[in-house]
């Protein structure tokens, strides 16, 4: 009888765990979804997406497009070799992305409260 009692408690715990698992996986895959960022590239881009965008005065008018910048911040690749991640107060990141069939590179300063877009150039390896 003791075995059946322990099996019952095990099954109760297992069912509660499965309910929580289904809840979290549903949230992750849903449209409002939770965003789990574990890799450095994802974490940097997520942090930059959460801040206010400011365009530098030196940036040409044709590149002052928030849709273009959002494409960089959603699907871009951060080049940590070129980026200055230790500077204060703003870290400088180079993000490459293909936009409208053109390989471009965005230079942005990630400050405490805002992200300053400094330049967008043709991407050269």
N, C-alpha and C. Protein backbone atom coordinates (compact mmCIF):
# COMPACT_ATOMS: atom_id res chain seq x y z
N UNK A 1 0.81 -1.19 0.00
CA UNK A 1 0.00 0.00 0.00
C UNK A 1 0.85 1.26 0.00
N UNK A 2 2.02 1.22 0.66
CA UNK A 2 2.89 2.38 0.72
C UNK A 2 3.40 2.75 -0.67
N UNK A 3 3.64 1.74 -1.50
CA UNK A 3 4.10 2.02 -2.87
C UNK A 3 3.03 2.77 -3.66
N UNK A 4 1.79 2.37 -3.54
CA UNK A 4 0.71 3.04 -4.26
C UNK A 4 0.53 4.49 -3.78
N UNK A 5 0.75 4.74 -2.51
CA UNK A 5 0.64 6.09 -1.96
C UNK A 5 1.76 6.97 -2.52
N UNK A 6 2.98 6.45 -2.54
CA UNK A 6 4.11 7.20 -3.10
C UNK A 6 3.93 7.44 -4.60
N UNK A 7 3.43 6.46 -5.31
CA UNK A 7 3.16 6.61 -6.74
C UNK A 7 2.11 7.69 -6.98
N UNK A 8 1.10 7.72 -6.14
CA UNK A 8 0.07 8.75 -6.27
C UNK A 8 0.63 10.15 -6.08
N UNK A 9 1.45 10.34 -5.05
CA UNK A 9 2.05 11.66 -4.83
C UNK A 9 3.01 12.03 -5.97
N UNK A 10 3.73 11.05 -6.47
CA UNK A 10 4.62 11.28 -7.61
C UNK A 10 3.81 11.76 -8.81
N UNK A 11 2.70 11.11 -9.09
CA UNK A 11 1.87 11.49 -10.24
C UNK A 11 1.25 12.87 -10.05
N UNK A 12 0.86 13.22 -8.82
CA UNK A 12 0.34 14.56 -8.55
C UNK A 12 1.42 15.61 -8.84
N UNK A 13 2.62 15.40 -8.36
CA UNK A 13 3.71 16.35 -8.61
C UNK A 13 4.07 16.43 -10.08
N UNK A 14 4.08 15.29 -10.75
CA UNK A 14 4.39 15.27 -12.18
C UNK A 14 3.34 16.05 -12.97
N UNK A 15 2.07 15.88 -12.64
CA UNK A 15 1.01 16.58 -13.37
C UNK A 15 1.09 18.09 -13.14
N UNK A 16 1.40 18.53 -11.92
CA UNK A 16 1.57 19.96 -11.66
C UNK A 16 2.75 20.51 -12.46
N UNK A 17 3.84 19.79 -12.49
CA UNK A 17 5.01 20.19 -13.28
C UNK A 17 4.71 20.29 -14.76
N UNK A 18 3.94 19.35 -15.28
CA UNK A 18 3.57 19.40 -16.70
C UNK A 18 2.67 20.58 -17.02
N UNK A 19 1.79 20.92 -16.10
CA UNK A 19 0.92 22.09 -16.32
C UNK A 19 1.77 23.36 -16.40
N UNK A 20 2.73 23.53 -15.48
CA UNK A 20 3.61 24.69 -15.54
C UNK A 20 4.44 24.71 -16.83
N UNK A 21 4.94 23.56 -17.24
CA UNK A 21 5.73 23.46 -18.46
C UNK A 21 4.92 23.87 -19.68
N UNK A 22 3.69 23.39 -19.78
CA UNK A 22 2.83 23.75 -20.90
C UNK A 22 2.55 25.25 -20.89
N UNK A 23 2.31 25.84 -19.72
CA UNK A 23 2.05 27.26 -19.59
C UNK A 23 3.23 28.09 -20.12
N UNK A 24 4.45 27.75 -19.69
CA UNK A 24 5.62 28.52 -20.12
C UNK A 24 5.92 28.32 -21.59
N UNK A 25 5.80 27.11 -22.11
CA UNK A 25 6.06 26.90 -23.52
C UNK A 25 5.03 27.59 -24.39
N UNK A 26 3.79 27.65 -23.92
CA UNK A 26 2.75 28.35 -24.68
C UNK A 26 3.04 29.84 -24.71
N UNK A 27 3.47 30.41 -23.59
CA UNK A 27 3.82 31.83 -23.53
C UNK A 27 5.00 32.14 -24.46
N UNK A 28 5.96 31.24 -24.51
CA UNK A 28 7.15 31.48 -25.33
C UNK A 28 6.80 31.46 -26.80
N UNK A 29 5.90 30.60 -27.22
CA UNK A 29 5.59 30.48 -28.63
C UNK A 29 4.45 31.37 -29.07
N UNK A 30 3.76 32.01 -28.14
CA UNK A 30 2.62 32.85 -28.46
C UNK A 30 3.06 34.16 -29.11
N UNK A 31 2.10 34.91 -29.63
CA UNK A 31 2.42 36.16 -30.30
C UNK A 31 2.96 37.20 -29.34
N UNK A 32 2.35 37.31 -28.14
CA UNK A 32 2.89 38.26 -27.18
C UNK A 32 4.17 37.72 -26.59
N UNK A 33 4.35 36.44 -26.65
CA UNK A 33 5.46 35.62 -26.22
C UNK A 33 6.53 36.23 -25.34
N UNK A 34 7.08 35.41 -24.52
CA UNK A 34 8.24 35.78 -23.73
C UNK A 34 9.46 35.61 -24.62
N UNK A 35 10.45 36.46 -24.44
CA UNK A 35 11.65 36.40 -25.25
C UNK A 35 12.81 35.94 -24.38
N UNK A 36 13.26 34.72 -24.60
CA UNK A 36 14.36 34.17 -23.83
C UNK A 36 15.66 34.40 -24.58
N UNK A 37 16.49 35.30 -24.11
CA UNK A 37 17.76 35.63 -24.76
C UNK A 37 18.91 35.12 -23.90
N UNK A 38 19.61 34.14 -24.40
CA UNK A 38 20.73 33.59 -23.66
C UNK A 38 22.07 33.97 -24.28
N UNK A 39 22.10 34.20 -25.59
CA UNK A 39 23.36 34.47 -26.28
C UNK A 39 23.65 35.98 -26.28
N UNK A 40 24.92 36.35 -26.30
CA UNK A 40 25.29 37.77 -26.22
C UNK A 40 24.65 38.63 -27.32
N UNK A 41 24.61 38.13 -28.55
CA UNK A 41 24.02 38.88 -29.66
C UNK A 41 22.56 39.23 -29.35
N UNK A 42 21.80 38.26 -28.92
CA UNK A 42 20.39 38.45 -28.61
C UNK A 42 20.22 39.40 -27.43
N UNK A 43 21.04 39.29 -26.42
CA UNK A 43 20.91 40.13 -25.23
C UNK A 43 21.20 41.59 -25.54
N UNK A 44 22.23 41.85 -26.36
CA UNK A 44 22.57 43.23 -26.72
C UNK A 44 21.45 43.85 -27.54
N UNK A 45 20.95 43.12 -28.55
CA UNK A 45 19.89 43.65 -29.40
C UNK A 45 18.60 43.88 -28.61
N UNK A 46 18.28 42.98 -27.69
CA UNK A 46 17.09 43.15 -26.87
C UNK A 46 17.21 44.38 -25.99
N UNK A 47 18.38 44.60 -25.41
CA UNK A 47 18.61 45.78 -24.58
C UNK A 47 18.47 47.06 -25.41
N UNK A 48 18.99 47.05 -26.62
CA UNK A 48 18.92 48.24 -27.47
C UNK A 48 17.49 48.50 -27.95
N UNK A 49 16.71 47.45 -28.18
CA UNK A 49 15.31 47.62 -28.60
C UNK A 49 14.46 48.25 -27.51
N UNK A 50 14.86 48.09 -26.27
CA UNK A 50 14.05 48.60 -25.16
C UNK A 50 14.28 50.08 -24.87
N UNK A 51 15.22 50.73 -25.58
CA UNK A 51 15.57 52.12 -25.31
C UNK A 51 15.09 53.03 -26.43
N UNK A 52 15.11 54.32 -26.15
CA UNK A 52 14.72 55.34 -27.13
C UNK A 52 15.79 55.48 -28.20
N UNK A 53 15.36 55.58 -29.47
CA UNK A 53 16.28 55.78 -30.59
C UNK A 53 16.51 57.27 -30.82
N UNK A 54 17.79 57.64 -30.96
CA UNK A 54 18.16 59.02 -31.28
C UNK A 54 19.10 58.95 -32.48
N UNK A 55 18.85 59.79 -33.50
CA UNK A 55 19.69 59.81 -34.68
C UNK A 55 20.73 60.92 -34.55
N UNK A 56 21.97 60.60 -34.88
CA UNK A 56 23.05 61.57 -34.84
C UNK A 56 22.83 62.63 -35.92
N UNK A 57 23.34 63.83 -35.67
CA UNK A 57 23.22 64.91 -36.65
C UNK A 57 24.02 64.59 -37.91
N UNK A 58 25.09 63.81 -37.79
CA UNK A 58 25.93 63.47 -38.93
C UNK A 58 25.31 62.41 -39.83
N UNK A 59 24.27 61.75 -39.37
CA UNK A 59 23.62 60.69 -40.15
C UNK A 59 22.80 61.32 -41.28
N UNK A 60 23.03 60.88 -42.55
CA UNK A 60 22.26 61.42 -43.67
C UNK A 60 20.76 61.16 -43.49
N UNK A 61 19.94 62.02 -44.06
CA UNK A 61 18.49 61.96 -43.92
C UNK A 61 17.92 60.64 -44.44
N UNK A 62 18.53 60.08 -45.48
CA UNK A 62 18.01 58.84 -46.06
C UNK A 62 18.09 57.66 -45.11
N UNK A 63 18.97 57.73 -44.12
CA UNK A 63 19.12 56.64 -43.17
C UNK A 63 18.38 56.88 -41.85
N UNK A 64 17.65 57.96 -41.74
CA UNK A 64 16.90 58.24 -40.51
C UNK A 64 15.53 57.57 -40.60
N UNK A 65 15.57 56.28 -40.76
CA UNK A 65 14.36 55.48 -40.95
C UNK A 65 14.26 54.49 -39.79
N UNK A 66 13.24 54.64 -38.96
CA UNK A 66 13.13 53.76 -37.80
C UNK A 66 12.82 52.33 -38.21
N UNK A 67 12.16 52.12 -39.35
CA UNK A 67 11.92 50.74 -39.80
C UNK A 67 13.23 50.05 -40.15
N UNK A 68 14.14 50.77 -40.79
CA UNK A 68 15.44 50.20 -41.13
C UNK A 68 16.22 49.87 -39.86
N UNK A 69 16.24 50.79 -38.92
CA UNK A 69 16.98 50.58 -37.67
C UNK A 69 16.36 49.43 -36.89
N UNK A 70 15.03 49.34 -36.86
CA UNK A 70 14.38 48.22 -36.18
C UNK A 70 14.71 46.89 -36.82
N UNK A 71 14.89 46.86 -38.14
CA UNK A 71 15.32 45.63 -38.81
C UNK A 71 16.70 45.22 -38.32
N UNK A 72 17.60 46.19 -38.15
CA UNK A 72 18.93 45.90 -37.60
C UNK A 72 18.82 45.35 -36.17
N UNK A 73 17.97 45.98 -35.36
CA UNK A 73 17.87 45.60 -33.95
C UNK A 73 17.09 44.31 -33.74
N UNK A 74 16.32 43.86 -34.73
CA UNK A 74 15.60 42.59 -34.61
C UNK A 74 16.39 41.42 -35.18
N UNK A 75 17.03 41.61 -36.32
CA UNK A 75 17.65 40.49 -37.03
C UNK A 75 19.13 40.68 -37.31
N UNK A 76 19.75 41.71 -36.76
CA UNK A 76 21.15 41.99 -37.05
C UNK A 76 22.12 41.07 -36.32
N UNK A 77 23.36 41.14 -36.76
CA UNK A 77 24.45 40.39 -36.14
C UNK A 77 25.46 41.39 -35.57
N UNK A 78 25.68 41.34 -34.27
CA UNK A 78 26.62 42.24 -33.61
C UNK A 78 28.04 41.72 -33.84
N UNK A 79 28.92 42.60 -34.32
CA UNK A 79 30.33 42.25 -34.51
C UNK A 79 31.08 42.66 -33.25
N UNK A 80 31.27 41.71 -32.34
CA UNK A 80 31.90 42.01 -31.06
C UNK A 80 33.39 42.29 -31.21
N UNK A 81 34.00 41.83 -32.33
CA UNK A 81 35.42 42.09 -32.57
C UNK A 81 35.68 43.57 -32.84
N UNK A 82 34.77 44.22 -33.56
CA UNK A 82 34.91 45.64 -33.88
C UNK A 82 34.31 46.53 -32.80
N UNK A 83 33.37 46.02 -32.06
CA UNK A 83 32.64 46.82 -31.08
C UNK A 83 33.49 47.12 -29.85
N UNK A 84 33.19 48.26 -29.22
CA UNK A 84 33.86 48.65 -27.98
C UNK A 84 32.86 48.49 -26.85
N UNK A 85 32.92 47.33 -26.20
CA UNK A 85 31.92 47.00 -25.18
C UNK A 85 32.31 47.45 -23.78
N UNK A 86 33.49 48.04 -23.63
CA UNK A 86 33.95 48.43 -22.31
C UNK A 86 33.97 49.94 -22.12
N UNK A 87 33.63 50.71 -23.14
CA UNK A 87 33.71 52.17 -23.01
C UNK A 87 32.60 52.70 -22.11
N UNK A 88 32.85 53.83 -21.49
CA UNK A 88 31.89 54.48 -20.60
C UNK A 88 31.63 55.88 -21.11
N UNK A 89 30.51 56.46 -21.00
CA UNK A 89 29.26 55.92 -20.47
C UNK A 89 28.47 55.12 -21.51
N UNK A 90 28.86 55.22 -22.78
CA UNK A 90 28.11 54.52 -23.85
C UNK A 90 29.00 53.49 -24.53
N UNK A 91 28.47 52.32 -24.72
CA UNK A 91 29.18 51.26 -25.43
C UNK A 91 28.90 51.41 -26.92
N UNK A 92 29.90 51.14 -27.77
CA UNK A 92 29.74 51.27 -29.21
C UNK A 92 29.63 49.89 -29.82
N UNK A 93 28.59 49.69 -30.64
CA UNK A 93 28.35 48.40 -31.29
C UNK A 93 28.26 48.57 -32.80
N UNK A 94 28.80 47.60 -33.52
CA UNK A 94 28.66 47.52 -34.98
C UNK A 94 27.74 46.35 -35.28
N UNK A 95 26.66 46.61 -35.98
CA UNK A 95 25.64 45.60 -36.26
C UNK A 95 25.48 45.49 -37.77
N UNK A 96 25.67 44.29 -38.31
CA UNK A 96 25.51 44.09 -39.75
C UNK A 96 24.18 43.41 -40.03
N UNK A 97 23.60 43.78 -41.18
CA UNK A 97 22.29 43.23 -41.57
C UNK A 97 22.10 43.49 -43.05
N UNK A 98 21.40 42.59 -43.71
CA UNK A 98 21.05 42.80 -45.11
C UNK A 98 19.68 43.44 -45.17
N UNK A 99 19.61 44.62 -45.77
CA UNK A 99 18.36 45.37 -45.86
C UNK A 99 18.10 45.72 -47.32
N UNK A 100 16.98 45.26 -47.84
CA UNK A 100 16.61 45.46 -49.25
C UNK A 100 17.69 44.98 -50.21
N UNK A 101 18.27 43.83 -49.91
CA UNK A 101 19.28 43.23 -50.76
C UNK A 101 20.65 43.87 -50.67
N UNK A 102 20.83 44.77 -49.74
CA UNK A 102 22.08 45.49 -49.59
C UNK A 102 22.68 45.19 -48.22
N UNK A 103 23.94 44.78 -48.19
CA UNK A 103 24.61 44.48 -46.92
C UNK A 103 25.07 45.79 -46.29
N UNK A 104 24.49 46.11 -45.12
CA UNK A 104 24.79 47.36 -44.44
C UNK A 104 25.31 47.09 -43.03
N UNK A 105 26.02 48.08 -42.50
CA UNK A 105 26.53 48.00 -41.14
C UNK A 105 26.14 49.27 -40.38
N UNK A 106 25.54 49.09 -39.23
CA UNK A 106 25.08 50.19 -38.40
C UNK A 106 26.05 50.37 -37.24
N UNK A 107 26.41 51.60 -36.97
CA UNK A 107 27.24 51.92 -35.80
C UNK A 107 26.35 52.65 -34.81
N UNK A 108 26.23 52.10 -33.61
CA UNK A 108 25.34 52.68 -32.60
C UNK A 108 26.03 52.75 -31.26
N UNK A 109 25.71 53.80 -30.51
CA UNK A 109 26.19 53.93 -29.14
C UNK A 109 25.03 53.58 -28.21
N UNK A 110 25.24 52.57 -27.38
CA UNK A 110 24.23 52.11 -26.43
C UNK A 110 24.48 52.78 -25.09
N UNK A 111 23.72 53.82 -24.81
CA UNK A 111 23.85 54.57 -23.56
C UNK A 111 22.85 54.05 -22.53
N UNK A 112 22.87 54.63 -21.35
CA UNK A 112 22.01 54.18 -20.26
C UNK A 112 20.53 54.32 -20.59
N UNK A 113 20.13 55.45 -21.17
CA UNK A 113 18.71 55.73 -21.42
C UNK A 113 18.32 55.70 -22.89
N UNK A 114 19.31 55.75 -23.81
CA UNK A 114 19.00 55.86 -25.23
C UNK A 114 20.04 55.16 -26.08
N UNK A 115 19.68 54.96 -27.34
CA UNK A 115 20.59 54.40 -28.33
C UNK A 115 20.79 55.46 -29.41
N UNK A 116 22.05 55.87 -29.62
CA UNK A 116 22.36 56.90 -30.61
C UNK A 116 22.88 56.20 -31.87
N UNK A 117 22.14 56.38 -32.97
CA UNK A 117 22.55 55.80 -34.26
C UNK A 117 23.53 56.78 -34.90
N UNK A 118 24.79 56.36 -35.04
CA UNK A 118 25.82 57.27 -35.54
C UNK A 118 26.02 57.19 -37.04
N UNK A 119 26.03 55.98 -37.60
CA UNK A 119 26.24 55.86 -39.04
C UNK A 119 25.71 54.53 -39.55
N UNK A 120 25.41 54.52 -40.85
CA UNK A 120 25.03 53.30 -41.56
C UNK A 120 25.85 53.29 -42.85
N UNK A 121 26.68 52.27 -43.03
CA UNK A 121 27.58 52.19 -44.17
C UNK A 121 27.44 50.85 -44.88
N UNK A 122 28.00 50.77 -46.06
CA UNK A 122 28.10 49.50 -46.77
C UNK A 122 28.95 48.55 -45.94
N UNK A 123 28.51 47.31 -45.84
CA UNK A 123 29.24 46.32 -45.03
C UNK A 123 30.36 45.71 -45.87
N UNK A 124 31.57 45.75 -45.32
CA UNK A 124 32.73 45.17 -45.97
C UNK A 124 33.36 44.21 -44.98
N UNK A 125 33.58 42.95 -45.41
CA UNK A 125 34.19 41.95 -44.50
C UNK A 125 35.54 42.37 -44.10
